[in-house]
C-alpha atoms as a PDB file:
ATOM      1  CA  UNK A   1     -56.625-146.034 -46.504  1.00  0.00           C
ATOM      2  CA  UNK A   2     -53.184-146.719 -45.888  1.00  0.00           C
ATOM      3  CA  UNK A   3     -50.602-144.776 -47.866  1.00  0.00           C
ATOM      4  CA  UNK A   4     -49.104-147.735 -49.709  1.00  0.00           C
ATOM      5  CA  UNK A   5     -52.471-148.376 -51.414  1.00  0.00           C
ATOM      6  CA  UNK A   6     -53.351-151.566 -49.657  1.00  0.00           C
ATOM      7  CA  UNK A   7     -56.918-152.118 -47.966  1.00  0.00           C
ATOM      8  CA  UNK A   8     -57.103-151.826 -44.143  1.00  0.00           C
ATOM      9  CA  UNK A   9     -57.865-155.055 -42.369  1.00  0.00           C
ATOM     10  CA  UNK A  10     -60.258-152.818 -40.044  1.00  0.00           C
ATOM     11  CA  UNK A  11     -62.692-152.383 -42.899  1.00  0.00           C
ATOM     12  CA  UNK A  12     -63.094-155.905 -43.100  1.00  0.00           C
ATOM     13  CA  UNK A  13     -63.636-156.661 -39.250  1.00  0.00           C
ATOM     14  CA  UNK A  14     -67.544-156.760 -38.486  1.00  0.00           C
ATOM     15  CA  UNK A  15     -68.165-155.439 -34.778  1.00  0.00           C
ATOM     16  CA  UNK A  16     -71.274-156.072 -32.956  1.00  0.00           C
ATOM     17  CA  UNK A  17     -71.779-152.818 -30.911  1.00  0.00           C
ATOM     18  CA  UNK A  18     -74.271-154.568 -28.379  1.00  0.00           C
ATOM     19  CA  UNK A  19     -71.399-156.795 -27.277  1.00  0.00           C
ATOM     20  CA  UNK A  20     -68.257-154.384 -27.106  1.00  0.00           C
ATOM     21  CA  UNK A  21     -67.601-152.465 -24.141  1.00  0.00           C
ATOM     22  CA  UNK A  22     -65.012-149.892 -24.125  1.00  0.00           C
ATOM     23  CA  UNK A  23     -63.842-147.837 -21.115  1.00  0.00           C
ATOM     24  CA  UNK A  24     -60.792-145.865 -19.881  1.00  0.00           C
ATOM     25  CA  UNK A  25     -58.584-147.860 -18.023  1.00  0.00           C
ATOM     26  CA  UNK A  26     -55.907-145.843 -16.465  1.00  0.00           C
ATOM     27  CA  UNK A  27     -54.339-142.469 -16.179  1.00  0.00           C
ATOM     28  CA  UNK A  28     -50.541-142.350 -16.110  1.00  0.00           C
ATOM     29  CA  UNK A  29     -48.590-140.299 -13.450  1.00  0.00           C
ATOM     30  CA  UNK A  30     -44.957-139.949 -13.570  1.00  0.00           C
ATOM     31  CA  UNK A  31     -43.636-140.318  -9.979  1.00  0.00           C
ATOM     32  CA  UNK A  32     -40.278-140.671  -8.511  1.00  0.00           C
ATOM     33  CA  UNK A  33     -40.913-143.168  -5.355  1.00  0.00           C
ATOM     34  CA  UNK A  34     -43.614-145.960  -5.947  1.00  0.00           C
ATOM     35  CA  UNK A  35     -43.982-146.271  -1.843  1.00  0.00           C
ATOM     36  CA  UNK A  36     -44.621-142.630  -1.449  1.00  0.00           C
ATOM     37  CA  UNK A  37     -47.165-142.137  -4.390  1.00  0.00           C
ATOM     38  CA  UNK A  38     -48.904-145.396  -3.230  1.00  0.00           C
ATOM     39  CA  UNK A  39     -49.143-143.998   0.455  1.00  0.00           C
ATOM     40  CA  UNK A  40     -50.272-140.631  -0.485  1.00  0.00           C
ATOM     41  CA  UNK A  41     -53.098-141.782  -2.533  1.00  0.00           C
ATOM     42  CA  UNK A  42     -54.127-144.646  -0.192  1.00  0.00           C
ATOM     43  CA  UNK A  43     -54.045-142.337   2.828  1.00  0.00           C
ATOM     44  CA  UNK A  44     -55.873-139.544   1.119  1.00  0.00           C
ATOM     45  CA  UNK A  45     -58.421-141.096  -1.245  1.00  0.00           C
ATOM     46  CA  UNK A  46     -58.628-144.591   0.028  1.00  0.00           C
ATOM     47  CA  UNK A  47     -57.488-146.049  -3.144  1.00  0.00           C
ATOM     48  CA  UNK A  48     -55.973-149.616  -2.895  1.00  0.00           C
ATOM     49  CA  UNK A  49     -53.268-151.317  -5.078  1.00  0.00           C
ATOM     50  CA  UNK A  50     -55.054-153.120  -8.077  1.00  0.00           C
ATOM     51  CA  UNK A  51     -52.172-154.278  -9.792  1.00  0.00           C
ATOM     52  CA  UNK A  52     -48.468-154.629  -8.433  1.00  0.00           C
ATOM     53  CA  UNK A  53     -46.100-156.272 -10.335  1.00  0.00           C
ATOM     54  CA  UNK A  54     -42.279-156.235 -10.846  1.00  0.00           C
ATOM     55  CA  UNK A  55     -40.749-157.841 -13.998  1.00  0.00           C
ATOM     56  CA  UNK A  56     -37.467-159.785 -13.992  1.00  0.00           C
ATOM     57  CA  UNK A  57     -35.755-157.038 -15.368  1.00  0.00           C
ATOM     58  CA  UNK A  58     -36.953-154.794 -12.466  1.00  0.00           C
ATOM     59  CA  UNK A  59     -39.775-152.768 -14.155  1.00  0.00           C
ATOM     60  CA  UNK A  60     -42.298-152.169 -11.863  1.00  0.00           C
ATOM     61  CA  UNK A  61     -46.213-152.056 -12.633  1.00  0.00           C
ATOM     62  CA  UNK A  62     -48.188-150.435  -9.768  1.00  0.00           C
ATOM     63  CA  UNK A  63     -51.893-149.387 -10.451  1.00  0.00           C
ATOM     64  CA  UNK A  64     -53.915-147.930  -7.910  1.00  0.00           C
ATOM     65  CA  UNK A  65     -57.650-147.266  -7.818  1.00  0.00           C
ATOM     66  CA  UNK A  66     -60.957-148.467  -6.631  1.00  0.00           C
ATOM     67  CA  UNK A  67     -62.908-151.783  -7.475  1.00  0.00           C
ATOM     68  CA  UNK A  68     -63.934-153.106  -9.682  1.00  0.00           C
ATOM     69  CA  UNK A  69     -60.819-153.896 -11.483  1.00  0.00           C
ATOM     70  CA  UNK A  70     -61.933-152.430 -14.648  1.00  0.00           C
ATOM     71  CA  UNK A  71     -62.769-148.784 -13.029  1.00  0.00           C
ATOM     72  CA  UNK A  72     -60.420-145.952 -13.746  1.00  0.00           C
ATOM     73  CA  UNK A  73     -57.308-146.068 -11.855  1.00  0.00           C
ATOM     74  CA  UNK A  74     -53.893-144.660 -11.832  1.00  0.00           C
ATOM     75  CA  UNK A  75     -50.676-146.213 -13.294  1.00  0.00           C
ATOM     76  CA  UNK A  76     -47.709-144.815 -11.590  1.00  0.00           C
ATOM     77  CA  UNK A  77     -44.445-144.829 -13.553  1.00  0.00           C
ATOM     78  CA  UNK A  78     -41.099-144.075 -11.906  1.00  0.00           C
ATOM     79  CA  UNK A  79     -39.462-141.168 -14.175  1.00  0.00           C
ATOM     80  CA  UNK A  80     -36.166-142.460 -15.479  1.00  0.00           C
ATOM     81  CA  UNK A  81     -34.896-139.875 -18.099  1.00  0.00           C
ATOM     82  CA  UNK A  82     -34.201-136.292 -17.204  1.00  0.00           C
ATOM     83  CA  UNK A  83     -37.106-135.121 -19.526  1.00  0.00           C
ATOM     84  CA  UNK A  84     -39.248-137.454 -17.498  1.00  0.00           C
ATOM     85  CA  UNK A  85     -37.862-136.318 -14.111  1.00  0.00           C
ATOM     86  CA  UNK A  86     -38.515-132.589 -14.997  1.00  0.00           C
ATOM     87  CA  UNK A  87     -42.420-133.435 -15.938  1.00  0.00           C
ATOM     88  CA  UNK A  88     -43.138-135.072 -12.305  1.00  0.00           C
ATOM     89  CA  UNK A  89     -45.895-132.947 -11.125  1.00  0.00           C
ATOM     90  CA  UNK A  90     -46.232-130.881 -14.440  1.00  0.00           C
ATOM     91  CA  UNK A  91     -47.494-133.323 -16.939  1.00  0.00           C
ATOM     92  CA  UNK A  92     -50.597-131.171 -17.920  1.00  0.00           C
ATOM     93  CA  UNK A  93     -48.766-127.880 -17.959  1.00  0.00           C
ATOM     94  CA  UNK A  94     -50.756-126.133 -15.062  1.00  0.00           C
ATOM     95  CA  UNK A  95     -54.032-127.712 -15.735  1.00  0.00           C
ATOM     96  CA  UNK A  96     -55.823-130.204 -13.515  1.00  0.00           C
ATOM     97  CA  UNK A  97     -54.204-133.975 -14.113  1.00  0.00           C
ATOM     98  CA  UNK A  98     -57.470-135.674 -12.905  1.00  0.00           C
ATOM     99  CA  UNK A  99     -61.182-135.684 -11.630  1.00  0.00           C
ATOM    100  CA  UNK A 100     -62.102-137.876  -8.442  1.00  0.00           C
ATOM    101  CA  UNK A 101     -65.346-138.064  -7.623  1.00  0.00           C
ATOM    102  CA  UNK A 102     -66.674-138.739  -4.078  1.00  0.00           C
ATOM    103  CA  UNK A 103     -69.756-139.369  -2.141  1.00  0.00           C
ATOM    104  CA  UNK A 104     -68.856-137.110   0.792  1.00  0.00           C
ATOM    105  CA  UNK A 105     -67.225-134.063  -0.317  1.00  0.00           C
ATOM    106  CA  UNK A 106     -67.108-132.437   3.150  1.00  0.00           C
ATOM    107  CA  UNK A 107     -65.527-135.207   4.949  1.00  0.00           C
ATOM    108  CA  UNK A 108     -62.863-135.898   1.974  1.00  0.00           C
ATOM    109  CA  UNK A 109     -61.848-132.199   2.095  1.00  0.00           C
ATOM    110  CA  UNK A 110     -61.524-132.444   6.295  1.00  0.00           C
ATOM    111  CA  UNK A 111     -59.309-135.578   5.679  1.00  0.00           C
ATOM    112  CA  UNK A 112     -57.164-133.868   3.069  1.00  0.00           C
ATOM    113  CA  UNK A 113     -56.876-130.839   5.292  1.00  0.00           C
ATOM    114  CA  UNK A 114     -55.970-132.868   8.313  1.00  0.00           C
ATOM    115  CA  UNK A 115     -53.412-134.786   6.300  1.00  0.00           C
ATOM    116  CA  UNK A 116     -51.920-131.456   5.130  1.00  0.00           C
ATOM    117  CA  UNK A 117     -52.543-131.784   1.543  1.00  0.00           C
ATOM    118  CA  UNK A 118     -52.327-128.375  -0.286  1.00  0.00           C
ATOM    119  CA  UNK A 119     -55.603-126.778  -1.272  1.00  0.00           C
ATOM    120  CA  UNK A 120     -55.748-124.789  -4.228  1.00  0.00           C
ATOM    121  CA  UNK A 121     -59.558-123.940  -4.532  1.00  0.00           C
ATOM    122  CA  UNK A 122     -61.623-124.326  -1.259  1.00  0.00           C
ATOM    123  CA  UNK A 123     -64.907-126.033  -1.531  1.00  0.00           C
ATOM    124  CA  UNK A 124     -67.456-124.632  -4.080  1.00  0.00           C
ATOM    125  CA  UNK A 125     -71.056-125.530  -3.125  1.00  0.00           C
ATOM    126  CA  UNK A 126     -74.115-125.420  -5.301  1.00  0.00           C
ATOM    127  CA  UNK A 127     -77.343-127.473  -5.550  1.00  0.00           C
ATOM    128  CA  UNK A 128     -76.166-129.618  -8.590  1.00  0.00           C
ATOM    129  CA  UNK A 129     -72.565-130.062  -7.450  1.00  0.00           C
ATOM    130  CA  UNK A 130     -69.773-129.609  -4.923  1.00  0.00           C
ATOM    131  CA  UNK A 131     -65.964-129.274  -5.687  1.00  0.00           C
ATOM    132  CA  UNK A 132     -62.602-128.348  -4.544  1.00  0.00           C
ATOM    133  CA  UNK A 133     -59.066-128.430  -6.054  1.00  0.00           C
ATOM    134  CA  UNK A 134     -56.092-129.887  -4.419  1.00  0.00           C
ATOM    135  CA  UNK A 135     -52.347-130.960  -5.107  1.00  0.00           C
ATOM    136  CA  UNK A 136     -50.959-134.369  -4.854  1.00  0.00           C
ATOM    137  CA  UNK A 137     -47.413-134.888  -3.141  1.00  0.00           C
ATOM    138  CA  UNK A 138     -45.828-133.966  -6.759  1.00  0.00           C
ATOM    139  CA  UNK A 139     -48.052-130.921  -7.406  1.00  0.00           C
ATOM    140  CA  UNK A 140     -50.181-132.483  -9.895  1.00  0.00           C
ATOM    141  CA  UNK A 141     -53.770-130.659  -9.536  1.00  0.00           C
ATOM    142  CA  UNK A 142     -56.899-132.921  -8.640  1.00  0.00           C
ATOM    143  CA  UNK A 143     -60.575-131.632  -9.035  1.00  0.00           C
ATOM    144  CA  UNK A 144     -62.603-133.428  -6.389  1.00  0.00           C
ATOM    145  CA  UNK A 145     -66.240-133.393  -7.185  1.00  0.00           C
ATOM    146  CA  UNK A 146     -69.655-134.545  -5.477  1.00  0.00           C
ATOM    147  CA  UNK A 147     -72.312-134.750  -7.682  1.00  0.00           C
ATOM    148  CA  UNK A 148     -75.872-134.047  -6.303  1.00  0.00           C
END
């Protein structure tokens, strides 16, 4: 119940759980250059621009990912303040920023190596899954996984 003693509107809304679909939309990465970030994720992970709009006041909304449009994607936000700029590449305090799933871990690993992407953990191969860790152009740690 809200602090002021009023009844919450939420309690009066009936939701049919069979019709509702909830899903993750975007993770947000602070960046310093839209084109460099877009190029990195396109060249290395084959992500495409799924939304790219610049408002009349110059604010850009650039989302990259895979199809379909409702799949999880990355929303790049250009860091503006001193605090935001200091957090580029360190939004998760040294923990992985995201997990990217693939259907061909070995081929993706070779592509990233050929493109000069920094690898943190070499591929680990088990009968159930395979994974490695790498960094994006800003130092965000990415876990790449293939499920068997």
